[in-house]
Amino acid sequence: MKIASFNINGIKARIGALTDWLDTAEPDVVLLQEIKSVDEAFPREPFEDRGYTVETHGQKGFNGVAILSKPPLEDVTRGLPGDDGDDQARWIEATVTGEHTALRLCGLYLPNGNPVPGPKFDYKLAWMERLRARAEALLHDEEPLLLAGDFNVIPQDEDAHRPEARAEGRAGAARGARGFSPAALPGFTDAFRARTQGPGHYTFWDYQGGAWRRGDGIRIDHVLLSPQAADRLTDCRIDSAVRAGEKPSDHVPIEVTVDI
């Protein structure tokens, strides 16, 4: 089963780019971030016409996550546990069943946290702790589990074209956030690094300053697998060519294939 994560940066602005990519990549499941749409206004028809079930957790103008899935989805839940007062739409869960087993999917859009220091960074760190608690609780089930999305975290120097420029005052590389690398979640495997090593692999290029043209990217979109899912990993790749398309998102999809 091919599962992708894609920060689309506005579903209505990128619907052409997204459907073109779907027609080419043909993923079974897509976890979307930054849909920037309330649930009622999400444009379902282009995706349902392609055979996808659509589940959303939206918010007007900001944030928002969604799942597109060709296999049926079960037990869909919305919102990250741990703070009943948090109204930001950043987390969605569901279970998908393949030929051999079921897989719990968690799609997330972790807060950006800039500027550092400040209340937005404090919120980011608190959200990370809630994520850690939820991930640990799900691990206890000892079942195949996938966490994927825009983590807004640069794990290592090799995950940024200019690590020295990114580190100062950036929430994605700051102490505390940087310590929350994918590998820092005990029991999880960073799917991309399990398949590919070395620098030069990025998922985000800013719209400003010709970042795409200059190769000035960072890797902040990640797929994490529980041991039961990591054992079934067959491939993981970043579809960087999407960034060169018409009206692209500033992120590109990361795709993982698991034998479920």
Foldseek 3Di string as FASTA:
>chain_A
DKEKEEAFQACVLCVVLVLVVCVVVVGQKYKYKWNQDPPVPRPCVSLVVVQWDKDWQHDHRGIIMIMTHNADWADKDFDQPDDPPDNHGFWIWTWGADPPGIEIEIEGDQQFQPQPPDDSLVVRLVVLVSVLVVVVVVVVVVAKYKYWYQSNAFQDCLQWPCSVVCQPRGSNNDPSNNCVDLPNNPQKDFLQCVPDDGHLAAFFADPPDCRVVVSGGGHRITMIIGPNFSVFWDDKHWPVVSVVDDSGDRGTMIMTDGDD
